[in-house]
């Protein structure tokens, strides 16, 4: 039992070591660069194009969920109340299902334009996001099903699929391709880059865990143990920030691999946002 506990504690270190070794070997063999530091820098730099719009869009997607938790916690043990809440929220979940891809495409368009040093055209991006909401929804559903099946099959296939199709959404937002073309395009761009992408994701997960722990500590220190709504407010701010960074980070990965393999032209983006 002790040995198992030690193995669980060492597992993140082992994964990081494996990813580091794989990324190092891949970097030596690959003719294409993948600068992890550059991707992280671009993820933050992409926010600069329209920070208020990105934060507002992320808040719409991520903050409301945080304020549902105190309500559910207060009704814990009352099965009928929780079921009633779930039924009453069903129409909102259906609306959110369509709002999610729309807002993600809109945010991705802002990030891609900023990274390409293009002026932000909100009207064009809103039209693009609206036009591609249904294809993006189908794309995300297929992606989710594939990942679920892959993780059921001993986890590793799910990881491989996640790395292979990591940038399907920025491909759709930035190039206007069809659903299945997006999967193929993502696989082509990330070929020879996946070990370094895995290392980047693991670094991001570690940073997220540290930031999440710090955020919860601040909320509890401010009296959150007795005030669930305070905790929800702090977590809503944190979720909003993370929502922005995950979107700009994915866009930065797309920008990095496409620049490395093809250079970044703007003609296709102009066509998509027209």
Protein backbone atom coordinates (compact mmCIF):
# COMPACT_ATOMS: atom_id res chain seq x y z
CA UNK A 1 0.00 0.00 0.00
CA UNK A 2 2.84 2.37 0.85
CA UNK A 3 4.59 1.55 -2.40
CA UNK A 4 1.39 2.34 -4.34
CA UNK A 5 1.07 5.68 -2.56
CA UNK A 6 4.67 6.58 -3.39
CA UNK A 7 4.08 5.59 -7.02
CA UNK A 8 1.02 7.85 -7.20
CA UNK A 9 3.03 10.75 -5.78
CA UNK A 10 5.87 10.14 -8.22
CA UNK A 11 3.59 9.67 -11.24
CA UNK A 12 3.58 13.38 -12.26
CA UNK A 13 7.37 13.48 -12.04
CA UNK A 14 7.63 10.29 -14.09
CA UNK A 15 5.27 11.66 -16.73
CA UNK A 16 7.22 14.92 -16.93
CA UNK A 17 10.50 13.00 -17.28
CA UNK A 18 9.07 10.82 -20.07
CA UNK A 19 7.63 13.84 -21.87
CA UNK A 20 10.90 15.74 -21.48
CA UNK A 21 12.89 12.87 -22.94
CA UNK A 22 10.45 12.37 -25.80
CA UNK A 23 10.39 16.10 -26.57
CA UNK A 24 14.19 16.27 -26.56
CA UNK A 25 14.53 13.33 -28.97
CA UNK A 26 11.75 14.66 -31.20
CA UNK A 27 13.35 18.11 -31.28
CA UNK A 28 16.65 16.62 -32.42
CA UNK A 29 15.03 14.67 -35.25
CA UNK A 30 12.43 17.18 -36.42
CA UNK A 31 13.34 19.88 -38.95
CA UNK A 32 10.54 22.04 -37.53
CA UNK A 33 10.94 24.15 -34.42
CA UNK A 34 8.40 24.21 -31.59
CA UNK A 35 9.33 26.82 -29.02
CA UNK A 36 7.51 26.07 -25.77
CA UNK A 37 8.55 29.40 -24.29
CA UNK A 38 7.43 31.17 -27.46
CA UNK A 39 4.02 29.47 -27.31
CA UNK A 40 3.54 30.50 -23.68
CA UNK A 41 4.58 34.06 -24.50
CA UNK A 42 2.21 34.18 -27.47
CA UNK A 43 -0.64 32.81 -25.35
CA UNK A 44 -0.36 35.85 -23.09
CA UNK A 45 0.41 38.19 -25.99
CA UNK A 46 -2.77 37.12 -27.80
CA UNK A 47 -4.82 38.60 -24.96
CA UNK A 48 -3.52 42.07 -25.77
CA UNK A 49 -5.60 42.44 -28.93
CA UNK A 50 -8.94 42.71 -27.14
CA UNK A 51 -8.60 41.82 -23.44
CA UNK A 52 -12.03 43.10 -22.39
CA UNK A 53 -13.83 41.15 -25.12
CA UNK A 54 -11.94 37.96 -24.27
CA UNK A 55 -12.60 38.31 -20.55
CA UNK A 56 -16.28 39.07 -21.07
CA UNK A 57 -16.75 36.11 -23.42
CA UNK A 58 -14.91 33.77 -21.07
CA UNK A 59 -16.97 34.99 -18.10
CA UNK A 60 -20.19 34.16 -19.95
CA UNK A 61 -18.95 30.60 -20.52
CA UNK A 62 -17.24 29.83 -17.23
CA UNK A 63 -18.46 32.05 -14.37
CA UNK A 64 -22.13 30.93 -14.11
CA UNK A 65 -21.15 27.33 -13.37
CA UNK A 66 -19.16 28.44 -10.34
CA UNK A 67 -22.22 30.11 -8.82
CA UNK A 68 -24.28 26.93 -9.23
CA UNK A 69 -22.04 25.05 -6.82
CA UNK A 70 -23.11 26.90 -3.63
CA UNK A 71 -26.77 26.33 -4.52
CA UNK A 72 -26.18 22.61 -4.98
CA UNK A 73 -24.10 22.41 -1.81
CA UNK A 74 -26.85 24.08 0.22
CA UNK A 75 -29.32 21.48 -1.07
CA UNK A 76 -26.99 18.53 -0.57
CA UNK A 77 -28.96 15.62 0.81
CA UNK A 78 -32.25 16.87 -0.63
CA UNK A 79 -32.46 14.67 -3.71
CA UNK A 80 -35.81 16.09 -4.81
CA UNK A 81 -34.52 19.68 -4.64
CA UNK A 82 -31.41 18.82 -6.65
CA UNK A 83 -33.47 17.00 -9.27
CA UNK A 84 -35.85 19.96 -9.49
CA UNK A 85 -32.91 22.30 -9.96
CA UNK A 86 -31.51 20.05 -12.69
CA UNK A 87 -34.84 19.95 -14.53
CA UNK A 88 -35.29 23.72 -14.29
CA UNK A 89 -31.78 24.23 -15.68
CA UNK A 90 -32.30 21.90 -18.67
CA UNK A 91 -33.31 24.68 -21.14
CA UNK A 92 -30.28 26.72 -20.09
CA UNK A 93 -27.97 23.75 -20.69
CA UNK A 94 -29.44 23.37 -24.17
CA UNK A 95 -28.82 27.04 -24.92
CA UNK A 96 -25.29 26.77 -23.50
CA UNK A 97 -24.61 23.83 -25.82
CA UNK A 98 -24.92 26.17 -28.81
CA UNK A 99 -23.48 29.26 -27.12
CA UNK A 100 -20.25 27.43 -26.22
CA UNK A 101 -18.91 26.82 -29.77
CA UNK A 102 -20.07 30.27 -30.87
CA UNK A 103 -18.14 32.06 -28.13
CA UNK A 104 -15.10 29.80 -28.48
CA UNK A 105 -14.90 30.56 -32.21
CA UNK A 106 -15.27 34.28 -31.49
CA UNK A 107 -12.48 34.18 -28.89
CA UNK A 108 -10.29 32.08 -31.17
CA UNK A 109 -10.75 34.59 -33.98
CA UNK A 110 -9.56 37.41 -31.72
CA UNK A 111 -6.51 35.43 -30.66
CA UNK A 112 -5.59 34.43 -34.22
CA UNK A 113 -5.94 37.98 -35.53
CA UNK A 114 -3.79 39.33 -32.70
CA UNK A 115 -1.07 36.74 -33.32
CA UNK A 116 -1.15 37.57 -37.03
CA UNK A 117 -0.80 41.31 -36.20
CA UNK A 118 -4.15 42.06 -37.82
CA UNK A 119 -6.67 44.67 -36.65
CA UNK A 120 -9.56 43.19 -34.67
CA UNK A 121 -12.83 43.29 -36.63
CA UNK A 122 -15.53 42.24 -34.20
CA UNK A 123 -18.34 42.28 -36.73
CA UNK A 124 -16.51 39.95 -39.10
CA UNK A 125 -15.61 37.59 -36.25
CA UNK A 126 -19.17 37.48 -34.97
CA UNK A 127 -20.38 36.59 -38.45
CA UNK A 128 -17.71 33.91 -38.79
CA UNK A 129 -18.56 32.44 -35.38
CA UNK A 130 -22.29 32.42 -36.12
CA UNK A 131 -21.75 30.83 -39.53
CA UNK A 132 -19.60 28.03 -38.11
CA UNK A 133 -21.37 27.37 -34.78
CA UNK A 134 -23.15 24.20 -35.89
CA UNK A 135 -20.10 22.67 -37.62
CA UNK A 136 -18.01 23.53 -34.54
CA UNK A 137 -20.57 21.88 -32.27
CA UNK A 138 -20.45 18.71 -34.37
CA UNK A 139 -16.65 18.91 -34.37
CA UNK A 140 -16.47 19.14 -30.57
CA UNK A 141 -18.98 16.32 -30.09
CA UNK A 142 -17.00 14.00 -32.38
CA UNK A 143 -13.78 15.01 -30.67
CA UNK A 144 -15.28 14.29 -27.24
CA UNK A 145 -16.60 10.87 -28.31
CA UNK A 146 -13.23 9.92 -29.81
CA UNK A 147 -11.39 10.97 -26.66
CA UNK A 148 -13.82 9.06 -24.44
CA UNK A 149 -13.36 5.88 -26.46
CA UNK A 150 -9.59 6.39 -26.51
CA UNK A 151 -9.35 6.80 -22.75
CA UNK A 152 -11.49 3.72 -22.19
CA UNK A 153 -8.93 1.80 -24.27
CA UNK A 154 -6.14 1.99 -21.67
CA UNK A 155 -5.79 5.83 -21.70
CA UNK A 156 -2.84 6.01 -24.12
CA UNK A 157 -4.96 6.08 -27.33
CA UNK A 158 -6.96 8.95 -25.82
CA UNK A 159 -3.79 10.91 -25.14
CA UNK A 160 -2.55 10.31 -28.68
CA UNK A 161 -5.86 11.43 -30.18
CA UNK A 162 -5.94 14.51 -27.96
CA UNK A 163 -2.46 15.51 -29.08
CA UNK A 164 -3.20 14.74 -32.75
CA UNK A 165 -6.42 16.80 -32.85
CA UNK A 166 -5.44 19.47 -30.34
CA UNK A 167 -5.90 22.37 -32.77
CA UNK A 168 -9.07 21.35 -34.63
CA UNK A 169 -10.97 24.41 -33.38
CA UNK A 170 -8.39 27.03 -34.42
CA UNK A 171 -8.16 25.27 -37.78
CA UNK A 172 -11.90 25.72 -38.21
CA UNK A 173 -11.81 29.32 -37.00
CA UNK A 174 -8.69 30.30 -38.92
CA UNK A 175 -9.05 28.38 -42.16
CA UNK A 176 -12.78 27.74 -42.52
CA UNK A 177 -12.36 24.05 -43.30
CA UNK A 178 -15.02 21.37 -43.02
CA UNK A 179 -15.37 19.13 -39.99
CA UNK A 180 -13.33 16.15 -41.18
CA UNK A 181 -10.81 18.37 -42.94
CA UNK A 182 -10.14 20.03 -39.58
CA UNK A 183 -9.18 16.69 -38.04
CA UNK A 184 -6.87 15.88 -40.93
CA UNK A 185 -5.35 19.36 -40.98
CA UNK A 186 -4.64 19.25 -37.24
CA UNK A 187 -2.98 15.84 -37.61
CA UNK A 188 -0.80 17.10 -40.47
CA UNK A 189 0.32 20.26 -38.66
CA UNK A 190 1.11 18.44 -35.41
CA UNK A 191 2.95 15.54 -37.01
CA UNK A 192 6.44 15.58 -35.55
CA UNK A 193 5.37 18.02 -32.82
CA UNK A 194 3.32 15.88 -30.43
CA UNK A 195 5.98 15.08 -27.83
CA UNK A 196 6.80 18.75 -27.44
CA UNK A 197 3.11 19.57 -27.28
CA UNK A 198 2.68 16.94 -24.55
CA UNK A 199 5.48 18.54 -22.54
CA UNK A 200 3.85 21.95 -22.95
CA UNK A 201 0.48 20.59 -21.77
CA UNK A 202 2.05 18.94 -18.72
CA UNK A 203 3.80 22.19 -17.81
CA UNK A 204 0.50 24.03 -18.18
CA UNK A 205 -1.29 21.47 -15.98
CA UNK A 206 1.32 21.86 -13.23
CA UNK A 207 1.00 25.66 -13.38
CA UNK A 208 -2.79 25.36 -13.33
CA UNK A 209 -2.69 23.12 -10.25
CA UNK A 210 -0.43 25.58 -8.44
CA UNK A 211 -2.62 28.56 -9.39
CA UNK A 212 -5.79 26.69 -8.44
CA UNK A 213 -4.40 25.77 -5.03
CA UNK A 214 -3.30 29.36 -4.44
CA UNK A 215 -6.73 30.67 -5.47
CA UNK A 216 -8.55 28.32 -3.11
CA UNK A 217 -6.16 29.24 -0.32
CA UNK A 218 -6.88 32.94 -0.82
CA UNK A 219 -10.64 32.30 -0.81
CA UNK A 220 -10.48 30.26 2.40
CA UNK A 221 -8.20 32.80 4.08
CA UNK A 222 -10.76 35.51 3.28
CA UNK A 223 -13.47 33.59 5.13
CA UNK A 224 -14.63 31.36 2.34
CA UNK A 225 -14.98 28.35 4.63
CA UNK A 226 -18.10 30.02 6.08
CA UNK A 227 -19.18 31.75 2.88
CA UNK A 228 -19.59 29.51 -0.14
CA UNK A 229 -20.61 32.47 -2.30
CA UNK A 230 -17.25 34.13 -1.66
CA UNK A 231 -15.50 30.96 -2.78
CA UNK A 232 -17.75 30.88 -5.86
CA UNK A 233 -16.85 34.48 -6.70
CA UNK A 234 -13.13 33.84 -6.44
CA UNK A 235 -13.47 30.64 -8.46
CA UNK A 236 -15.52 32.47 -11.11
CA UNK A 237 -12.71 34.99 -11.59
CA UNK A 238 -10.16 32.17 -11.76
CA UNK A 239 -12.27 30.16 -14.24
CA UNK A 240 -12.68 33.24 -16.42
CA UNK A 241 -8.93 33.82 -16.58
CA UNK A 242 -8.22 30.15 -17.26
CA UNK A 243 -10.87 30.15 -19.99
CA UNK A 244 -9.07 33.00 -21.74
CA UNK A 245 -5.65 31.37 -21.41
CA UNK A 246 -6.77 27.96 -22.67
CA UNK A 247 -8.25 29.58 -25.77
CA UNK A 248 -5.28 31.84 -26.51
CA UNK A 249 -2.93 28.97 -25.67
CA UNK A 250 -4.57 26.70 -28.23
CA UNK A 251 -4.42 29.51 -30.78
CA UNK A 252 -0.73 30.03 -29.94
CA UNK A 253 -0.01 26.33 -30.57
CA UNK A 254 -1.72 26.55 -33.96
CA UNK A 255 0.21 29.73 -34.78
CA UNK A 256 3.49 28.08 -33.74
CA UNK A 257 3.14 24.86 -35.73
CA UNK A 258 1.78 26.57 -38.81
CA UNK A 259 4.53 29.17 -38.78
CA UNK A 260 7.14 26.43 -38.35
CA UNK A 261 5.84 24.34 -41.24
CA UNK A 262 4.32 26.83 -43.67
CA UNK A 263 4.87 30.38 -42.53
CA UNK A 264 1.84 32.43 -41.57
CA UNK A 265 -0.01 34.04 -44.45
CA UNK A 266 -3.09 36.15 -43.97
CA UNK A 267 -5.00 35.48 -47.17
CA UNK A 268 -6.97 32.55 -45.77
CA UNK A 269 -7.89 34.44 -42.63
CA UNK A 270 -9.15 37.33 -44.73
CA UNK A 271 -11.35 34.92 -46.64
CA UNK A 272 -12.74 33.34 -43.50
CA UNK A 273 -13.54 36.61 -41.72
CA UNK A 274 -14.93 38.33 -44.82
